[in-house]
Amino acid sequence: MTVSYNRIAGQSVERLAALSDGVFAVAMTLLVLDLRVPAMEAVHSEHGTR
């Protein structure tokens, strides 16, 4: 009688694999988008408007 741990715990390895795939996909998307911080000259603050 072979009972796997995943069956006893009520969780499957496929769900963990799907979660790790999703995290990897988000990380790769952020790397591809090439987001940059705006230049300081383009940032206007309310302090200097008086």
PDB file of N, CA and C in Angstrom:
ATOM      1  N   MET A   1       0.856  -1.179   0.000  1.00  0.00           N
ATOM      2  CA  MET A   1       0.000   0.000   0.000  1.00  0.00           C
ATOM      3  C   MET A   1       0.898   1.237   0.000  1.00  0.00           C
ATOM      4  N   THR A   2       0.913   1.933  -1.117  1.00  0.00           N
ATOM      5  CA  THR A   2       1.742   3.123  -1.241  1.00  0.00           C
ATOM      6  C   THR A   2       0.862   4.357  -1.231  1.00  0.00           C
ATOM      7  N   VAL A   3       1.073   5.220  -0.249  1.00  0.00           N
ATOM      8  CA  VAL A   3       0.323   6.470  -0.143  1.00  0.00           C
ATOM      9  C   VAL A   3       1.331   7.606  -0.213  1.00  0.00           C
ATOM     10  N   SER A   4       1.144   8.502  -1.177  1.00  0.00           N
ATOM     11  CA  SER A   4       2.105   9.592  -1.312  1.00  0.00           C
ATOM     12  C   SER A   4       1.785  10.718  -0.337  1.00  0.00           C
ATOM     13  N   TYR A   5       2.803  11.470  -0.007  1.00  0.00           N
ATOM     14  CA  TYR A   5       2.636  12.587   0.922  1.00  0.00           C
ATOM     15  C   TYR A   5       1.699  13.642   0.351  1.00  0.00           C
ATOM     16  N   ASN A   6       1.784  13.883  -0.967  1.00  0.00           N
ATOM     17  CA  ASN A   6       0.937  14.898  -1.591  1.00  0.00           C
ATOM     18  C   ASN A   6      -0.542  14.565  -1.440  1.00  0.00           C
ATOM     19  N   ARG A   7      -0.870  13.297  -1.501  1.00  0.00           N
ATOM     20  CA  ARG A   7      -2.270  12.894  -1.354  1.00  0.00           C
ATOM     21  C   ARG A   7      -2.731  13.093   0.086  1.00  0.00           C
ATOM     22  N   ILE A   8      -1.859  12.831   1.044  1.00  0.00           N
ATOM     23  CA  ILE A   8      -2.213  12.992   2.458  1.00  0.00           C
ATOM     24  C   ILE A   8      -2.363  14.480   2.787  1.00  0.00           C
ATOM     25  N   ALA A   9      -1.447  15.313   2.289  1.00  0.00           N
ATOM     26  CA  ALA A   9      -1.464  16.737   2.591  1.00  0.00           C
ATOM     27  C   ALA A   9      -2.569  17.466   1.833  1.00  0.00           C
ATOM     28  N   GLY A  10      -3.072  16.878   0.763  1.00  0.00           N
ATOM     29  CA  GLY A  10      -4.144  17.510   0.009  1.00  0.00           C
ATOM     30  C   GLY A  10      -3.649  18.543  -0.984  1.00  0.00           C
ATOM     31  N   GLN A  11      -2.384  18.516  -1.312  1.00  0.00           N
ATOM     32  CA  GLN A  11      -1.838  19.468  -2.265  1.00  0.00           C
ATOM     33  C   GLN A  11      -1.115  18.711  -3.357  1.00  0.00           C
ATOM     34  N   SER A  12      -0.998  19.333  -4.513  1.00  0.00           N
ATOM     35  CA  SER A  12      -0.325  18.673  -5.613  1.00  0.00           C
ATOM     36  C   SER A  12       0.902  19.452  -6.040  1.00  0.00           C
ATOM     37  N   VAL A  13       1.803  18.755  -6.672  1.00  0.00           N
ATOM     38  CA  VAL A  13       3.032  19.371  -7.151  1.00  0.00           C
ATOM     39  C   VAL A  13       2.730  20.307  -8.318  1.00  0.00           C
ATOM     40  N   GLU A  14       1.674  20.022  -9.073  1.00  0.00           N
ATOM     41  CA  GLU A  14       1.314  20.850 -10.222  1.00  0.00           C
ATOM     42  C   GLU A  14       0.973  22.276  -9.804  1.00  0.00           C
ATOM     43  N   ARG A  15       0.348  22.440  -8.671  1.00  0.00           N
ATOM     44  CA  ARG A  15       0.009  23.793  -8.191  1.00  0.00           C
ATOM     45  C   ARG A  15       1.263  24.575  -7.842  1.00  0.00           C
ATOM     46  N   LEU A  16       2.225  23.924  -7.239  1.00  0.00           N
ATOM     47  CA  LEU A  16       3.490  24.580  -6.909  1.00  0.00           C
ATOM     48  C   LEU A  16       4.261  24.937  -8.176  1.00  0.00           C
ATOM     49  N   ALA A  17       4.221  24.069  -9.162  1.00  0.00           N
ATOM     50  CA  ALA A  17       4.883  24.352 -10.436  1.00  0.00           C
ATOM     51  C   ALA A  17       4.207  25.525 -11.146  1.00  0.00           C
ATOM     52  N   ALA A  18       2.893  25.601 -11.102  1.00  0.00           N
ATOM     53  CA  ALA A  18       2.167  26.714 -11.731  1.00  0.00           C
ATOM     54  C   ALA A  18       2.489  28.032 -11.034  1.00  0.00           C
ATOM     55  N   LEU A  19       2.598  28.014  -9.720  1.00  0.00           N
ATOM     56  CA  LEU A  19       2.948  29.221  -8.974  1.00  0.00           C
ATOM     57  C   LEU A  19       4.361  29.692  -9.317  1.00  0.00           C
ATOM     58  N   SER A  20       5.305  28.779  -9.373  1.00  0.00           N
ATOM     59  CA  SER A  20       6.668  29.171  -9.703  1.00  0.00           C
ATOM     60  C   SER A  20       6.754  29.664 -11.152  1.00  0.00           C
ATOM     61  N   ASP A  21       5.982  29.087 -12.060  1.00  0.00           N
ATOM     62  CA  ASP A  21       5.947  29.569 -13.442  1.00  0.00           C
ATOM     63  C   ASP A  21       5.390  30.990 -13.504  1.00  0.00           C
ATOM     64  N   GLY A  22       4.376  31.268 -12.711  1.00  0.00           N
ATOM     65  CA  GLY A  22       3.794  32.610 -12.685  1.00  0.00           C
ATOM     66  C   GLY A  22       4.758  33.644 -12.145  1.00  0.00           C
ATOM     67  N   VAL A  23       5.470  33.313 -11.090  1.00  0.00           N
ATOM     68  CA  VAL A  23       6.451  34.238 -10.516  1.00  0.00           C
ATOM     69  C   VAL A  23       7.570  34.504 -11.520  1.00  0.00           C
ATOM     70  N   PHE A  24       8.019  33.467 -12.194  1.00  0.00           N
ATOM     71  CA  PHE A  24       9.066  33.612 -13.205  1.00  0.00           C
ATOM     72  C   PHE A  24       8.579  34.487 -14.362  1.00  0.00           C
ATOM     73  N   ALA A  25       7.327  34.306 -14.780  1.00  0.00           N
ATOM     74  CA  ALA A  25       6.778  35.090 -15.889  1.00  0.00           C
ATOM     75  C   ALA A  25       6.685  36.570 -15.530  1.00  0.00           C
ATOM     76  N   VAL A  26       6.275  36.884 -14.317  1.00  0.00           N
ATOM     77  CA  VAL A  26       6.195  38.285 -13.883  1.00  0.00           C
ATOM     78  C   VAL A  26       7.587  38.898 -13.820  1.00  0.00           C
ATOM     79  N   ALA A  27       8.552  38.177 -13.297  1.00  0.00           N
ATOM     80  CA  ALA A  27       9.922  38.692 -13.205  1.00  0.00           C
ATOM     81  C   ALA A  27      10.500  38.950 -14.589  1.00  0.00           C
ATOM     82  N   MET A  28      10.280  38.047 -15.519  1.00  0.00           N
ATOM     83  CA  MET A  28      10.802  38.224 -16.874  1.00  0.00           C
ATOM     84  C   MET A  28      10.106  39.385 -17.574  1.00  0.00           C
ATOM     85  N   THR A  29       8.813  39.576 -17.328  1.00  0.00           N
ATOM     86  CA  THR A  29       8.084  40.693 -17.927  1.00  0.00           C
ATOM     87  C   THR A  29       8.647  42.018 -17.437  1.00  0.00           C
ATOM     88  N   LEU A  30       8.929  42.116 -16.151  1.00  0.00           N
ATOM     89  CA  LEU A  30       9.487  43.354 -15.609  1.00  0.00           C
ATOM     90  C   LEU A  30      10.878  43.628 -16.179  1.00  0.00           C
ATOM     91  N   LEU A  31      11.646  42.586 -16.425  1.00  0.00           N
ATOM     92  CA  LEU A  31      12.975  42.782 -17.006  1.00  0.00           C
ATOM     93  C   LEU A  31      12.884  43.237 -18.465  1.00  0.00           C
ATOM     94  N   VAL A  32      11.908  42.742 -19.191  1.00  0.00           N
ATOM     95  CA  VAL A  32      11.769  43.079 -20.609  1.00  0.00           C
ATOM     96  C   VAL A  32      11.238  44.498 -20.794  1.00  0.00           C
ATOM     97  N   LEU A  33      10.403  44.969 -19.876  1.00  0.00           N
ATOM     98  CA  LEU A  33       9.791  46.295 -20.031  1.00  0.00           C
ATOM     99  C   LEU A  33      10.810  47.417 -19.955  1.00  0.00           C
ATOM    100  N   ASP A  34      11.932  47.206 -19.324  1.00  0.00           N
ATOM    101  CA  ASP A  34      13.007  48.198 -19.227  1.00  0.00           C
ATOM    102  C   ASP A  34      12.490  49.524 -18.661  1.00  0.00           C
ATOM    103  N   LEU A  35      11.947  49.463 -17.456  1.00  0.00           N
ATOM    104  CA  LEU A  35      11.429  50.661 -16.798  1.00  0.00           C
ATOM    105  C   LEU A  35      12.588  51.523 -16.315  1.00  0.00           C
ATOM    106  N   ARG A  36      12.449  52.834 -16.467  1.00  0.00           N
ATOM    107  CA  ARG A  36      13.503  53.762 -16.048  1.00  0.00           C
ATOM    108  C   ARG A  36      12.916  54.843 -15.133  1.00  0.00           C
ATOM    109  N   VAL A  37      13.763  55.383 -14.275  1.00  0.00           N
ATOM    110  CA  VAL A  37      13.374  56.476 -13.390  1.00  0.00           C
ATOM    111  C   VAL A  37      13.394  57.768 -14.207  1.00  0.00           C
ATOM    112  N   PRO A  38      12.383  58.639 -14.071  1.00  0.00           N
ATOM    113  CA  PRO A  38      12.384  59.884 -14.836  1.00  0.00           C
ATOM    114  C   PRO A  38      13.558  60.789 -14.455  1.00  0.00           C
ATOM    115  N   ALA A  39      13.992  61.601 -15.391  1.00  0.00           N
ATOM    116  CA  ALA A  39      15.098  62.524 -15.146  1.00  0.00           C
ATOM    117  C   ALA A  39      14.658  63.587 -14.146  1.00  0.00           C
ATOM    118  N   MET A  40      15.587  64.073 -13.354  1.00  0.00           N
ATOM    119  CA  MET A  40      15.251  65.051 -12.318  1.00  0.00           C
ATOM    120  C   MET A  40      14.737  66.359 -12.923  1.00  0.00           C
ATOM    121  N   GLU A  41      15.153  66.714 -14.124  1.00  0.00           N
ATOM    122  CA  GLU A  41      14.689  67.955 -14.750  1.00  0.00           C
ATOM    123  C   GLU A  41      13.206  67.872 -15.109  1.00  0.00           C
ATOM    124  N   ALA A  42      12.725  66.668 -15.348  1.00  0.00           N
ATOM    125  CA  ALA A  42      11.330  66.483 -15.744  1.00  0.00           C
ATOM    126  C   ALA A  42      10.388  66.435 -14.541  1.00  0.00           C
ATOM    127  N   VAL A  43      10.930  66.293 -13.344  1.00  0.00           N
ATOM    128  CA  VAL A  43      10.103  66.192 -12.144  1.00  0.00           C
ATOM    129  C   VAL A  43       9.919  67.577 -11.557  1.00  0.00           C
ATOM    130  N   HIS A  44       8.660  68.005 -11.455  1.00  0.00           N
ATOM    131  CA  HIS A  44       8.341  69.315 -10.880  1.00  0.00           C
ATOM    132  C   HIS A  44       7.666  69.096  -9.536  1.00  0.00           C
ATOM    133  N   SER A  45       8.131  69.798  -8.527  1.00  0.00           N
ATOM    134  CA  SER A  45       7.523  69.651  -7.205  1.00  0.00           C
ATOM    135  C   SER A  45       6.660  70.857  -6.904  1.00  0.00           C
ATOM    136  N   GLU A  46       5.795  70.730  -5.924  1.00  0.00           N
ATOM    137  CA  GLU A  46       4.927  71.826  -5.508  1.00  0.00           C
ATOM    138  C   GLU A  46       5.703  72.866  -4.713  1.00  0.00           C
ATOM    139  N   HIS A  47       6.855  72.507  -4.211  1.00  0.00           N
ATOM    140  CA  HIS A  47       7.649  73.410  -3.380  1.00  0.00           C
ATOM    141  C   HIS A  47       8.175  74.598  -4.178  1.00  0.00           C
ATOM    142  N   GLY A  48       8.515  74.409  -5.435  1.00  0.00           N
ATOM    143  CA  GLY A  48       9.118  75.471  -6.226  1.00  0.00           C
ATOM    144  C   GLY A  48       8.119  76.295  -7.041  1.00  0.00           C
ATOM    145  N   THR A  49       6.819  76.136  -6.815  1.00  0.00           N
ATOM    146  CA  THR A  49       5.809  76.815  -7.646  1.00  0.00           C
ATOM    147  C   THR A  49       5.368  78.157  -7.066  1.00  0.00           C
ATOM    148  N   ARG A  50       5.891  78.612  -5.972  1.00  0.00           N
ATOM    149  CA  ARG A  50       5.409  79.873  -5.361  1.00  0.00           C
ATOM    150  C   ARG A  50       6.033  81.062  -5.953  1.00  0.00           C
TER     151      ARG A  50
END
